[in-house]
């Protein structure tokens, strides 16, 4: 699954929260989302600092971190594109929102 696809699912869950949805509870409660981000990041760090890292476990924990961070961002109204634009800016690249293709120049 692409992160943009997950973002779209989370945006839909925020706009139309299904009863009993774990995602919807995170989106509605920024403190809970923040606690889960901390918890999942800690679990990932524990796995990455083991003498022998279990790659499957590390990938699973990383997926948990990415999911919860994205839920926190969606809940706060921060688009994933803003994050990728920031990453691009840090490496001196053209922000995604300003690419030639999107401007119609490409």
N, C-alpha and C. Protein backbone atom coordinates (compact mmCIF):
# COMPACT_ATOMS: atom_id res chain seq x y z
N UNK A 1 0.85 -1.18 0.00
CA UNK A 1 0.00 0.00 0.00
C UNK A 1 0.89 1.24 0.00
N UNK A 2 0.58 2.17 -0.84
CA UNK A 2 1.28 3.45 -0.87
C UNK A 2 0.77 4.33 0.28
N UNK A 3 1.64 5.18 0.80
CA UNK A 3 1.23 6.06 1.90
C UNK A 3 0.10 7.00 1.47
N UNK A 4 0.13 7.44 0.21
CA UNK A 4 -0.95 8.32 -0.28
C UNK A 4 -2.30 7.58 -0.26
N UNK A 5 -2.28 6.28 -0.54
CA UNK A 5 -3.52 5.49 -0.50
C UNK A 5 -4.02 5.38 0.94
N UNK A 6 -3.10 5.14 1.86
CA UNK A 6 -3.48 5.07 3.27
C UNK A 6 -4.02 6.42 3.74
N UNK A 7 -3.37 7.50 3.30
CA UNK A 7 -3.86 8.83 3.67
C UNK A 7 -5.30 9.03 3.19
N UNK A 8 -5.60 8.58 1.97
CA UNK A 8 -6.96 8.73 1.43
C UNK A 8 -7.96 7.94 2.27
N UNK A 9 -7.60 6.73 2.68
CA UNK A 9 -8.48 5.93 3.52
C UNK A 9 -8.72 6.65 4.85
N UNK A 10 -7.65 7.17 5.45
CA UNK A 10 -7.78 7.86 6.73
C UNK A 10 -8.61 9.14 6.60
N UNK A 11 -8.43 9.87 5.51
CA UNK A 11 -9.25 11.07 5.30
C UNK A 11 -10.73 10.70 5.19
N UNK A 12 -11.00 9.60 4.52
CA UNK A 12 -12.39 9.15 4.41
C UNK A 12 -12.93 8.74 5.78
N UNK A 13 -12.11 8.05 6.57
CA UNK A 13 -12.55 7.65 7.90
C UNK A 13 -12.79 8.87 8.79
N UNK A 14 -12.01 9.92 8.58
CA UNK A 14 -12.21 11.14 9.35
C UNK A 14 -13.53 11.81 8.96
N UNK A 15 -13.81 11.85 7.66
CA UNK A 15 -15.03 12.49 7.16
C UNK A 15 -16.26 11.64 7.44
N UNK A 16 -16.10 10.32 7.40
CA UNK A 16 -17.22 9.39 7.58
C UNK A 16 -16.81 8.30 8.57
N UNK A 17 -16.72 8.64 9.85
CA UNK A 17 -16.19 7.66 10.81
C UNK A 17 -17.12 6.46 11.02
N UNK A 18 -16.64 5.27 10.65
CA UNK A 18 -17.45 4.08 10.89
C UNK A 18 -17.50 3.76 12.39
N UNK A 19 -18.63 3.29 12.83
CA UNK A 19 -18.77 2.91 14.24
C UNK A 19 -17.75 1.84 14.60
N UNK A 20 -17.05 2.05 15.70
CA UNK A 20 -16.09 1.07 16.18
C UNK A 20 -14.76 1.05 15.46
N UNK A 21 -14.52 2.00 14.57
CA UNK A 21 -13.28 2.03 13.80
C UNK A 21 -12.11 2.53 14.65
N UNK A 22 -11.05 1.73 14.70
CA UNK A 22 -9.85 2.13 15.43
C UNK A 22 -9.28 3.40 14.82
N UNK A 23 -9.22 3.46 13.50
CA UNK A 23 -8.71 4.65 12.83
C UNK A 23 -9.50 5.89 13.22
N UNK A 24 -10.81 5.77 13.23
CA UNK A 24 -11.66 6.92 13.56
C UNK A 24 -11.40 7.40 14.98
N UNK A 25 -11.12 6.47 15.91
CA UNK A 25 -10.84 6.90 17.28
C UNK A 25 -9.52 7.67 17.35
N UNK A 26 -8.53 7.24 16.59
CA UNK A 26 -7.25 7.97 16.55
C UNK A 26 -7.44 9.36 15.93
N UNK A 27 -8.21 9.42 14.86
CA UNK A 27 -8.41 10.68 14.15
C UNK A 27 -9.16 11.70 15.00
N UNK A 28 -9.99 11.22 15.88
CA UNK A 28 -10.79 12.11 16.72
C UNK A 28 -10.09 12.49 18.03
N UNK A 29 -9.01 11.81 18.35
CA UNK A 29 -8.35 12.02 19.65
C UNK A 29 -6.84 12.20 19.45
N UNK A 30 -6.39 13.45 19.27
CA UNK A 30 -4.97 13.68 19.01
C UNK A 30 -4.05 13.18 20.12
N UNK A 31 -4.50 13.23 21.34
CA UNK A 31 -3.66 12.73 22.44
C UNK A 31 -3.45 11.22 22.33
N UNK A 32 -4.51 10.51 22.00
CA UNK A 32 -4.39 9.06 21.82
C UNK A 32 -3.47 8.74 20.65
N UNK A 33 -3.63 9.47 19.56
CA UNK A 33 -2.75 9.26 18.40
C UNK A 33 -1.30 9.52 18.78
N UNK A 34 -1.06 10.57 19.53
CA UNK A 34 0.31 10.90 19.95
C UNK A 34 0.90 9.81 20.84
N UNK A 35 0.10 9.30 21.76
CA UNK A 35 0.59 8.23 22.64
C UNK A 35 0.95 6.98 21.83
N UNK A 36 0.14 6.67 20.81
CA UNK A 36 0.42 5.50 19.97
C UNK A 36 1.67 5.71 19.13
N UNK A 37 1.89 6.93 18.66
CA UNK A 37 3.11 7.21 17.89
C UNK A 37 4.33 6.95 18.77
N UNK A 38 4.29 7.46 20.00
CA UNK A 38 5.41 7.26 20.94
C UNK A 38 5.61 5.77 21.22
N UNK A 39 4.53 5.08 21.50
CA UNK A 39 4.61 3.64 21.81
C UNK A 39 5.20 2.86 20.65
N UNK A 40 4.69 3.10 19.46
CA UNK A 40 5.14 2.33 18.30
C UNK A 40 6.58 2.68 17.92
N UNK A 41 6.96 3.95 18.05
CA UNK A 41 8.34 4.36 17.76
C UNK A 41 9.30 3.68 18.75
N UNK A 42 8.90 3.61 20.00
CA UNK A 42 9.72 2.95 21.02
C UNK A 42 9.91 1.47 20.68
N UNK A 43 8.82 0.81 20.29
CA UNK A 43 8.92 -0.61 19.93
C UNK A 43 9.84 -0.81 18.73
N UNK A 44 9.77 0.09 17.76
CA UNK A 44 10.66 0.00 16.61
C UNK A 44 12.11 0.19 17.04
N UNK A 45 12.36 1.17 17.89
CA UNK A 45 13.72 1.42 18.38
C UNK A 45 14.27 0.20 19.14
N UNK A 46 13.43 -0.42 19.95
CA UNK A 46 13.87 -1.63 20.65
C UNK A 46 14.31 -2.71 19.67
N UNK A 47 13.54 -2.90 18.63
CA UNK A 47 13.88 -3.93 17.65
C UNK A 47 15.16 -3.57 16.90
N UNK A 48 15.31 -2.30 16.54
CA UNK A 48 16.48 -1.89 15.75
C UNK A 48 17.78 -1.92 16.55
N UNK A 49 17.68 -1.95 17.87
CA UNK A 49 18.90 -1.97 18.68
C UNK A 49 19.23 -3.36 19.24
N UNK A 50 18.49 -4.36 18.82
CA UNK A 50 18.80 -5.73 19.24
C UNK A 50 20.11 -6.17 18.54
N UNK A 51 20.86 -7.06 19.19
CA UNK A 51 22.08 -7.56 18.55
C UNK A 51 21.81 -8.19 17.19
N UNK A 52 20.69 -8.88 17.09
CA UNK A 52 20.28 -9.46 15.80
C UNK A 52 18.87 -8.98 15.50
N UNK A 53 18.77 -8.04 14.59
CA UNK A 53 17.48 -7.45 14.23
C UNK A 53 16.68 -8.45 13.41
N UNK A 54 15.43 -8.64 13.80
CA UNK A 54 14.49 -9.46 13.04
C UNK A 54 13.87 -8.54 12.00
N UNK A 55 14.23 -8.72 10.74
CA UNK A 55 13.79 -7.82 9.68
C UNK A 55 12.26 -7.76 9.56
N UNK A 56 11.60 -8.90 9.72
CA UNK A 56 10.13 -8.92 9.64
C UNK A 56 9.52 -8.12 10.79
N UNK A 57 10.07 -8.30 11.96
CA UNK A 57 9.56 -7.56 13.14
C UNK A 57 9.82 -6.07 12.98
N UNK A 58 11.00 -5.70 12.49
CA UNK A 58 11.32 -4.29 12.28
C UNK A 58 10.38 -3.68 11.25
N UNK A 59 10.10 -4.40 10.18
CA UNK A 59 9.17 -3.90 9.16
C UNK A 59 7.77 -3.74 9.74
N UNK A 60 7.35 -4.69 10.57
CA UNK A 60 6.03 -4.61 11.19
C UNK A 60 5.94 -3.40 12.12
N UNK A 61 6.97 -3.19 12.92
CA UNK A 61 6.97 -2.04 13.84
C UNK A 61 7.03 -0.72 13.05
N UNK A 62 7.81 -0.71 11.98
CA UNK A 62 7.89 0.50 11.16
C UNK A 62 6.54 0.81 10.52
N UNK A 63 5.82 -0.24 10.09
CA UNK A 63 4.49 -0.04 9.53
C UNK A 63 3.56 0.56 10.57
N UNK A 64 3.67 0.09 11.81
CA UNK A 64 2.86 0.65 12.90
C UNK A 64 3.17 2.14 13.09
N UNK A 65 4.47 2.47 13.07
CA UNK A 65 4.87 3.88 13.24
C UNK A 65 4.29 4.72 12.11
N UNK A 66 4.49 4.28 10.88
CA UNK A 66 3.99 5.06 9.73
C UNK A 66 2.48 5.23 9.78
N UNK A 67 1.76 4.16 10.11
CA UNK A 67 0.30 4.25 10.20
C UNK A 67 -0.12 5.29 11.23
N UNK A 68 0.46 5.21 12.43
CA UNK A 68 0.04 6.11 13.50
C UNK A 68 0.47 7.55 13.24
N UNK A 69 1.65 7.75 12.65
CA UNK A 69 2.07 9.11 12.29
C UNK A 69 1.11 9.68 11.26
N UNK A 70 0.77 8.89 10.26
CA UNK A 70 -0.14 9.39 9.23
C UNK A 70 -1.53 9.66 9.81
N UNK A 71 -1.99 8.82 10.72
CA UNK A 71 -3.27 9.08 11.38
C UNK A 71 -3.21 10.38 12.17
N UNK A 72 -2.10 10.61 12.85
CA UNK A 72 -1.94 11.86 13.59
C UNK A 72 -1.94 13.07 12.67
N UNK A 73 -1.25 12.95 11.54
CA UNK A 73 -1.21 14.05 10.58
C UNK A 73 -2.59 14.34 9.99
N UNK A 74 -3.28 13.29 9.58
CA UNK A 74 -4.62 13.46 9.01
C UNK A 74 -5.55 14.07 10.06
N UNK A 75 -5.47 13.57 11.27
CA UNK A 75 -6.29 14.10 12.34
C UNK A 75 -6.05 15.59 12.58
N UNK A 76 -4.80 16.01 12.37
CA UNK A 76 -4.43 17.41 12.58
C UNK A 76 -4.61 18.26 11.32
N UNK A 77 -5.02 17.63 10.23
CA UNK A 77 -5.23 18.37 8.99
C UNK A 77 -3.95 18.70 8.24
N UNK A 78 -2.89 17.92 8.47
CA UNK A 78 -1.61 18.14 7.80
C UNK A 78 -1.50 17.14 6.65
N UNK A 79 -1.50 17.61 5.41
CA UNK A 79 -1.41 16.69 4.27
C UNK A 79 -0.05 16.01 4.17
N UNK A 80 -0.04 14.77 3.73
CA UNK A 80 1.20 14.05 3.49
C UNK A 80 2.07 14.82 2.50
N UNK A 81 1.47 15.51 1.54
CA UNK A 81 2.23 16.29 0.56
C UNK A 81 3.08 17.36 1.25
N UNK A 82 2.59 17.91 2.36
CA UNK A 82 3.39 18.89 3.09
C UNK A 82 4.66 18.25 3.66
N UNK A 83 4.53 17.01 4.09
CA UNK A 83 5.68 16.29 4.64
C UNK A 83 6.67 15.98 3.52
N UNK A 84 6.18 15.48 2.40
CA UNK A 84 7.09 15.16 1.30
C UNK A 84 7.72 16.42 0.72
N UNK A 85 6.98 17.51 0.70
CA UNK A 85 7.56 18.78 0.24
C UNK A 85 8.69 19.21 1.17
N UNK A 86 8.50 19.04 2.47
CA UNK A 86 9.54 19.38 3.44
C UNK A 86 10.78 18.51 3.23
N UNK A 87 10.57 17.23 2.98
CA UNK A 87 11.70 16.34 2.72
C UNK A 87 12.43 16.75 1.45
N UNK A 88 11.67 17.10 0.42
CA UNK A 88 12.29 17.58 -0.82
C UNK A 88 13.10 18.85 -0.58
N UNK A 89 12.53 19.77 0.19
CA UNK A 89 13.22 21.04 0.47
C UNK A 89 14.53 20.78 1.22
N UNK A 90 14.53 19.79 2.06
CA UNK A 90 15.74 19.49 2.84
C UNK A 90 16.87 18.96 1.97
N UNK A 91 16.53 18.38 0.84
CA UNK A 91 17.58 17.89 -0.05
C UNK A 91 17.76 18.79 -1.26
N UNK A 92 17.09 19.95 -1.23
CA UNK A 92 17.26 20.92 -2.29
C UNK A 92 16.48 20.62 -3.56
N UNK A 93 15.51 19.74 -3.48
CA UNK A 93 14.70 19.38 -4.66
C UNK A 93 13.50 20.32 -4.78
N UNK A 94 12.89 20.32 -5.94
CA UNK A 94 11.68 21.08 -6.16
C UNK A 94 10.55 20.42 -5.39
N UNK A 95 9.80 21.19 -4.60
CA UNK A 95 8.67 20.60 -3.87
C UNK A 95 7.70 19.91 -4.82
N UNK A 96 7.13 18.80 -4.37
CA UNK A 96 6.21 18.01 -5.18
C UNK A 96 5.10 18.86 -5.77
N UNK A 97 4.57 19.78 -5.01
CA UNK A 97 3.44 20.59 -5.47
C UNK A 97 3.82 21.53 -6.60
N UNK A 98 5.12 21.69 -6.85
CA UNK A 98 5.56 22.63 -7.87
C UNK A 98 6.28 21.95 -9.03
N UNK A 99 6.08 20.67 -9.21
CA UNK A 99 6.76 19.99 -10.30
C UNK A 99 6.22 20.45 -11.64
N UNK A 100 7.04 20.32 -12.68
CA UNK A 100 6.64 20.74 -14.02
C UNK A 100 5.37 20.03 -14.47
N UNK A 101 5.29 18.75 -14.19
CA UNK A 101 4.12 17.98 -14.63
C UNK A 101 2.84 18.54 -14.04
N UNK A 102 2.85 18.86 -12.77
CA UNK A 102 1.66 19.37 -12.12
C UNK A 102 1.33 20.79 -12.55
N UNK A 103 2.34 21.58 -12.95
CA UNK A 103 2.09 22.92 -13.44
C UNK A 103 1.61 22.91 -14.88
N UNK A 104 1.77 21.75 -15.53
CA UNK A 104 1.40 21.66 -16.93
C UNK A 104 2.55 21.99 -17.86
N UNK A 105 3.77 22.08 -17.31
CA UNK A 105 4.95 22.41 -18.11
C UNK A 105 5.64 21.16 -18.65
N UNK A 106 5.19 19.99 -18.18
CA UNK A 106 5.95 18.77 -18.51
C UNK A 106 5.28 17.93 -19.44
